[in-house]
């Protein structure tokens, strides 16, 4: 799957540009809905990725792009849920996450990509 962090706040996936965080579920791109994680913002000084979000749990691994500078917090409950489901989380800065996606068939991609910080 072709993906590239174009610049801070902008990502291109399969030729389409997005200026917001995205979720990829079996190759289908949608907007990340952060609202369920907003109550944890003060605790993390940033809206973290929480288990309350709609996380694409399919597949054997979940790629999380943690932002241009790798600063997206991931709550421990996300790791716990992944372990319970037998899914490996690969959390790396978004540029590196895009490189991992390039090696995969679109239907195998389950990812959350943060486009800022």
N, C-alpha and C. Protein backbone atom coordinates (compact mmCIF):
# COMPACT_ATOMS: atom_id res chain seq x y z
N UNK A 1 0.85 -1.17 0.00
CA UNK A 1 0.00 0.00 0.00
C UNK A 1 0.89 1.22 0.00
N UNK A 2 0.66 2.13 -0.93
CA UNK A 2 1.48 3.34 -1.03
C UNK A 2 1.00 4.38 -0.03
N UNK A 3 1.92 4.77 0.86
CA UNK A 3 1.62 5.79 1.86
C UNK A 3 2.88 6.61 2.10
N UNK A 4 2.67 7.90 2.35
CA UNK A 4 3.82 8.78 2.58
C UNK A 4 3.38 9.97 3.42
N UNK A 5 4.16 10.26 4.47
CA UNK A 5 3.94 11.47 5.24
C UNK A 5 4.53 12.60 4.41
N UNK A 6 3.67 13.43 3.82
CA UNK A 6 4.11 14.49 2.91
C UNK A 6 4.84 15.58 3.69
N UNK A 7 4.20 16.02 4.76
CA UNK A 7 4.78 17.03 5.64
C UNK A 7 3.99 16.99 6.94
N UNK A 8 4.41 17.76 7.90
CA UNK A 8 3.70 17.84 9.18
C UNK A 8 2.24 18.17 8.90
N UNK A 9 1.34 17.29 9.32
CA UNK A 9 -0.09 17.53 9.14
C UNK A 9 -0.68 17.06 7.83
N UNK A 10 0.10 16.35 7.03
CA UNK A 10 -0.42 15.91 5.72
C UNK A 10 0.17 14.56 5.34
N UNK A 11 -0.72 13.65 4.96
CA UNK A 11 -0.31 12.31 4.57
C UNK A 11 -0.98 11.96 3.24
N UNK A 12 -0.28 11.19 2.42
CA UNK A 12 -0.84 10.75 1.13
C UNK A 12 -0.88 9.22 1.14
N UNK A 13 -2.07 8.68 0.85
CA UNK A 13 -2.27 7.23 0.80
C UNK A 13 -2.93 6.90 -0.53
N UNK A 14 -2.27 6.02 -1.29
CA UNK A 14 -2.79 5.59 -2.59
C UNK A 14 -3.21 6.78 -3.46
N UNK A 15 -2.39 7.83 -3.45
CA UNK A 15 -2.62 8.99 -4.31
C UNK A 15 -3.56 10.04 -3.76
N UNK A 16 -4.21 9.78 -2.62
CA UNK A 16 -5.13 10.76 -2.04
C UNK A 16 -4.48 11.39 -0.80
N UNK A 17 -4.63 12.71 -0.67
CA UNK A 17 -4.01 13.43 0.42
C UNK A 17 -5.03 13.71 1.54
N UNK A 18 -4.58 13.52 2.77
CA UNK A 18 -5.40 13.75 3.96
C UNK A 18 -4.68 14.73 4.88
N UNK A 19 -5.44 15.64 5.50
CA UNK A 19 -4.84 16.58 6.44
C UNK A 19 -5.38 16.33 7.85
N UNK A 20 -5.67 15.08 8.13
CA UNK A 20 -6.17 14.67 9.45
C UNK A 20 -5.72 13.22 9.69
N UNK A 21 -5.79 12.80 10.95
CA UNK A 21 -5.43 11.43 11.31
C UNK A 21 -6.36 10.46 10.59
N UNK A 22 -5.80 9.33 10.20
CA UNK A 22 -6.60 8.34 9.48
C UNK A 22 -6.51 6.96 10.14
N UNK A 23 -7.51 6.16 9.82
CA UNK A 23 -7.56 4.75 10.22
C UNK A 23 -7.65 3.95 8.92
N UNK A 24 -6.86 2.90 8.82
CA UNK A 24 -6.92 2.03 7.64
C UNK A 24 -7.35 0.65 8.12
N UNK A 25 -8.47 0.19 7.59
CA UNK A 25 -9.01 -1.12 7.94
C UNK A 25 -9.07 -1.97 6.69
N UNK A 26 -8.21 -2.97 6.61
CA UNK A 26 -8.14 -3.85 5.43
C UNK A 26 -8.04 -3.03 4.15
N UNK A 27 -7.24 -1.98 4.19
CA UNK A 27 -7.00 -1.16 3.01
C UNK A 27 -7.97 -0.02 2.80
N UNK A 28 -9.03 0.07 3.59
CA UNK A 28 -10.02 1.15 3.46
C UNK A 28 -9.67 2.27 4.42
N UNK A 29 -9.54 3.49 3.89
CA UNK A 29 -9.13 4.65 4.68
C UNK A 29 -10.35 5.41 5.18
N UNK A 30 -10.32 5.78 6.47
CA UNK A 30 -11.36 6.62 7.05
C UNK A 30 -10.71 7.58 8.05
N UNK A 31 -11.47 8.58 8.45
CA UNK A 31 -10.99 9.57 9.40
C UNK A 31 -10.96 8.97 10.80
N UNK A 32 -9.89 9.26 11.53
CA UNK A 32 -9.81 8.82 12.93
C UNK A 32 -10.76 9.69 13.75
N UNK A 33 -11.64 9.06 14.47
CA UNK A 33 -12.59 9.75 15.36
C UNK A 33 -12.00 9.76 16.76
N UNK A 34 -11.45 10.91 17.17
CA UNK A 34 -10.74 11.03 18.44
C UNK A 34 -11.65 11.33 19.63
N UNK A 35 -12.90 11.65 19.37
CA UNK A 35 -13.80 12.09 20.43
C UNK A 35 -13.80 11.16 21.66
N UNK A 36 -13.84 9.83 21.48
CA UNK A 36 -13.83 8.96 22.67
C UNK A 36 -12.58 9.09 23.54
N UNK A 37 -11.48 9.59 22.97
CA UNK A 37 -10.22 9.73 23.70
C UNK A 37 -10.04 11.12 24.30
N UNK A 38 -10.86 12.08 23.92
CA UNK A 38 -10.71 13.46 24.39
C UNK A 38 -10.73 13.59 25.92
N UNK A 39 -11.54 12.79 26.66
CA UNK A 39 -11.53 12.93 28.13
C UNK A 39 -10.16 12.66 28.77
N UNK A 40 -9.26 12.01 28.06
CA UNK A 40 -7.93 11.69 28.59
C UNK A 40 -6.87 12.73 28.23
N UNK A 41 -7.27 13.76 27.50
CA UNK A 41 -6.34 14.77 27.00
C UNK A 41 -5.55 15.45 28.12
N UNK A 42 -6.20 15.86 29.18
CA UNK A 42 -5.50 16.56 30.27
C UNK A 42 -4.47 15.64 30.93
N UNK A 43 -4.80 14.38 31.05
CA UNK A 43 -3.90 13.41 31.68
C UNK A 43 -2.62 13.22 30.86
N UNK A 44 -2.72 13.30 29.53
CA UNK A 44 -1.59 13.03 28.64
C UNK A 44 -1.02 14.28 27.97
N UNK A 45 -1.64 15.45 28.20
CA UNK A 45 -1.24 16.69 27.53
C UNK A 45 -1.34 16.58 26.01
N UNK A 46 -2.19 15.68 25.56
CA UNK A 46 -2.39 15.41 24.14
C UNK A 46 -3.53 14.41 24.09
N UNK A 47 -4.32 14.41 23.03
CA UNK A 47 -5.35 13.39 22.91
C UNK A 47 -4.67 12.06 22.57
N UNK A 48 -4.70 11.11 23.50
CA UNK A 48 -4.02 9.83 23.25
C UNK A 48 -4.86 8.90 22.38
N UNK A 49 -4.29 7.80 22.01
CA UNK A 49 -5.05 6.73 21.39
C UNK A 49 -5.55 5.85 22.53
N UNK A 50 -6.88 5.74 22.66
CA UNK A 50 -7.46 4.94 23.74
C UNK A 50 -8.23 3.77 23.15
N UNK A 51 -8.49 2.80 23.99
CA UNK A 51 -9.25 1.62 23.57
C UNK A 51 -10.71 1.95 23.29
N UNK A 52 -11.16 3.14 23.66
CA UNK A 52 -12.53 3.56 23.40
C UNK A 52 -12.75 3.95 21.93
N UNK A 53 -11.67 4.17 21.20
CA UNK A 53 -11.78 4.53 19.78
C UNK A 53 -12.10 3.29 18.95
N UNK A 54 -12.52 3.54 17.72
CA UNK A 54 -12.79 2.45 16.78
C UNK A 54 -11.46 2.01 16.18
N UNK A 55 -10.86 1.02 16.79
CA UNK A 55 -9.54 0.55 16.39
C UNK A 55 -9.69 -0.62 15.41
N UNK A 56 -8.92 -0.61 14.32
CA UNK A 56 -9.02 -1.69 13.32
C UNK A 56 -8.29 -2.95 13.78
N UNK A 57 -8.96 -3.79 14.55
CA UNK A 57 -8.34 -4.95 15.17
C UNK A 57 -8.12 -6.14 14.24
N UNK A 58 -8.52 -6.08 13.00
CA UNK A 58 -8.31 -7.21 12.10
C UNK A 58 -6.84 -7.46 11.83
N UNK A 59 -6.53 -8.62 11.37
CA UNK A 59 -5.14 -8.93 11.02
C UNK A 59 -4.32 -9.38 12.22
N UNK A 60 -3.04 -9.63 11.96
CA UNK A 60 -2.14 -10.09 13.02
C UNK A 60 -1.35 -8.97 13.66
N UNK A 61 -1.30 -7.81 12.98
CA UNK A 61 -0.59 -6.68 13.58
C UNK A 61 -1.31 -5.38 13.26
N UNK A 62 -1.16 -4.46 14.19
CA UNK A 62 -1.74 -3.13 14.06
C UNK A 62 -0.58 -2.15 14.02
N UNK A 63 -0.49 -1.40 12.94
CA UNK A 63 0.57 -0.40 12.80
C UNK A 63 0.02 0.93 13.28
N UNK A 64 0.72 1.55 14.21
CA UNK A 64 0.31 2.85 14.72
C UNK A 64 1.41 3.85 14.39
N UNK A 65 1.06 4.81 13.54
CA UNK A 65 1.97 5.91 13.23
C UNK A 65 1.79 6.96 14.31
N UNK A 66 2.80 7.18 15.10
CA UNK A 66 2.70 8.04 16.28
C UNK A 66 2.99 9.51 16.01
N UNK A 67 2.95 9.92 14.75
CA UNK A 67 3.14 11.33 14.41
C UNK A 67 4.49 11.60 13.79
N UNK A 68 4.62 12.80 13.25
CA UNK A 68 5.87 13.20 12.59
C UNK A 68 7.06 13.10 13.55
N UNK A 69 6.82 13.42 14.82
CA UNK A 69 7.89 13.37 15.81
C UNK A 69 7.71 12.21 16.79
N UNK A 70 6.73 11.36 16.54
CA UNK A 70 6.53 10.18 17.37
C UNK A 70 5.96 10.45 18.74
N UNK A 71 5.11 11.47 18.88
CA UNK A 71 4.66 11.86 20.22
C UNK A 71 3.21 11.51 20.56
N UNK A 72 2.52 10.75 19.73
CA UNK A 72 1.16 10.34 20.06
C UNK A 72 1.19 9.34 21.21
N UNK A 73 0.57 9.67 22.35
CA UNK A 73 0.52 8.70 23.45
C UNK A 73 -0.46 7.57 23.13
N UNK A 74 -0.09 6.37 23.54
CA UNK A 74 -0.95 5.20 23.38
C UNK A 74 -1.23 4.68 24.79
N UNK A 75 -2.50 4.62 25.13
CA UNK A 75 -2.86 4.20 26.48
C UNK A 75 -2.57 2.71 26.68
N UNK A 76 -2.21 2.31 27.88
CA UNK A 76 -1.90 0.90 28.18
C UNK A 76 -3.04 -0.05 27.81
N UNK A 77 -4.28 0.42 27.90
CA UNK A 77 -5.42 -0.42 27.58
C UNK A 77 -5.42 -0.87 26.13
N UNK A 78 -4.84 -0.07 25.25
CA UNK A 78 -4.76 -0.45 23.83
C UNK A 78 -3.82 -1.65 23.69
N UNK A 79 -2.68 -1.58 24.37
CA UNK A 79 -1.74 -2.71 24.33
C UNK A 79 -2.36 -3.96 24.95
N UNK A 80 -3.09 -3.79 26.04
CA UNK A 80 -3.73 -4.92 26.70
C UNK A 80 -4.78 -5.58 25.80
N UNK A 81 -5.58 -4.77 25.13
CA UNK A 81 -6.60 -5.30 24.22
C UNK A 81 -5.94 -6.04 23.05
N UNK A 82 -4.87 -5.48 22.53
CA UNK A 82 -4.15 -6.13 21.43
C UNK A 82 -3.61 -7.48 21.87
N UNK A 83 -3.01 -7.52 23.05
CA UNK A 83 -2.46 -8.78 23.56
C UNK A 83 -3.56 -9.83 23.73
N UNK A 84 -4.69 -9.39 24.24
CA UNK A 84 -5.81 -10.30 24.45
C UNK A 84 -6.31 -10.88 23.11
N UNK A 85 -6.21 -10.08 22.05
CA UNK A 85 -6.66 -10.51 20.72
C UNK A 85 -5.56 -11.22 19.94
N UNK A 86 -4.35 -11.26 20.49
CA UNK A 86 -3.24 -11.89 19.78
C UNK A 86 -2.70 -11.04 18.64
N UNK A 87 -2.82 -9.73 18.77
CA UNK A 87 -2.37 -8.81 17.73
C UNK A 87 -1.12 -8.08 18.21
N UNK A 88 -0.13 -8.02 17.36
CA UNK A 88 1.11 -7.31 17.66
C UNK A 88 0.94 -5.84 17.27
N UNK A 89 1.28 -4.94 18.18
CA UNK A 89 1.26 -3.51 17.86
C UNK A 89 2.66 -3.08 17.47
N UNK A 90 2.75 -2.40 16.35
CA UNK A 90 4.00 -1.79 15.89
C UNK A 90 3.76 -0.29 15.93
N UNK A 91 4.31 0.38 16.94
CA UNK A 91 4.12 1.82 17.12
C UNK A 91 5.44 2.52 16.80
N UNK A 92 5.43 3.28 15.71
CA UNK A 92 6.62 3.99 15.23
C UNK A 92 6.19 5.35 14.69
N UNK A 93 7.12 6.30 14.55
CA UNK A 93 6.75 7.58 13.93
C UNK A 93 6.07 7.34 12.58
N UNK A 94 5.17 8.22 12.21
CA UNK A 94 4.33 8.01 11.03
C UNK A 94 5.13 7.81 9.74
N UNK A 95 6.24 8.49 9.58
CA UNK A 95 7.07 8.28 8.38
C UNK A 95 7.52 6.83 8.28
N UNK A 96 7.95 6.25 9.40
CA UNK A 96 8.37 4.85 9.42
C UNK A 96 7.18 3.92 9.20
N UNK A 97 6.04 4.28 9.76
CA UNK A 97 4.84 3.48 9.58
C UNK A 97 4.48 3.41 8.09
N UNK A 98 4.62 4.52 7.40
CA UNK A 98 4.32 4.55 5.96
C UNK A 98 5.25 3.61 5.20
N UNK A 99 6.51 3.55 5.61
CA UNK A 99 7.44 2.63 4.96
C UNK A 99 7.00 1.18 5.17
N UNK A 100 6.52 0.85 6.36
CA UNK A 100 6.03 -0.50 6.63
C UNK A 100 4.82 -0.82 5.75
N UNK A 101 3.93 0.16 5.56
CA UNK A 101 2.74 -0.07 4.76
C UNK A 101 3.09 -0.35 3.31
N UNK A 102 4.16 0.24 2.81
CA UNK A 102 4.56 0.04 1.42
C UNK A 102 4.90 -1.42 1.13
N UNK A 103 5.28 -2.15 2.16
CA UNK A 103 5.67 -3.56 2.01
C UNK A 103 4.46 -4.50 2.07
N UNK A 104 3.25 -3.94 2.28
CA UNK A 104 2.08 -4.78 2.52
C UNK A 104 1.03 -4.64 1.42
N UNK A 105 0.26 -5.71 1.24
CA UNK A 105 -0.91 -5.65 0.37
C UNK A 105 -1.96 -4.82 1.10
N UNK A 106 -2.72 -4.01 0.38
CA UNK A 106 -3.72 -3.13 1.00
C UNK A 106 -4.68 -3.89 1.91
N UNK A 107 -5.13 -5.06 1.49
CA UNK A 107 -6.11 -5.79 2.29
C UNK A 107 -5.55 -6.29 3.62
N UNK A 108 -4.22 -6.31 3.75
CA UNK A 108 -3.58 -6.74 5.00
C UNK A 108 -3.32 -5.58 5.96
N UNK A 109 -3.56 -4.34 5.51
CA UNK A 109 -3.21 -3.17 6.30
C UNK A 109 -4.30 -2.83 7.31
N UNK A 110 -3.89 -2.77 8.58
CA UNK A 110 -4.71 -2.29 9.68
C UNK A 110 -3.82 -1.30 10.42
N UNK A 111 -4.19 -0.02 10.35
CA UNK A 111 -3.30 1.01 10.87
C UNK A 111 -4.06 2.24 11.34
N UNK A 112 -3.40 2.97 12.23
CA UNK A 112 -3.85 4.29 12.67
C UNK A 112 -2.65 5.19 12.45
N UNK A 113 -2.86 6.28 11.72
CA UNK A 113 -1.74 7.17 11.39
C UNK A 113 -2.05 8.59 11.86
N UNK A 114 -1.21 9.06 12.77
CA UNK A 114 -1.30 10.42 13.32
C UNK A 114 -0.44 11.33 12.46
N UNK A 115 -0.96 12.47 12.04
CA UNK A 115 -0.25 13.28 11.04
C UNK A 115 0.47 14.51 11.61
N UNK A 116 0.26 14.83 12.88
CA UNK A 116 1.00 15.94 13.46
C UNK A 116 1.97 15.41 14.50
N UNK A 117 2.42 16.20 15.36
CA UNK A 117 3.43 15.94 16.41
C UNK A 117 4.01 14.56 16.34
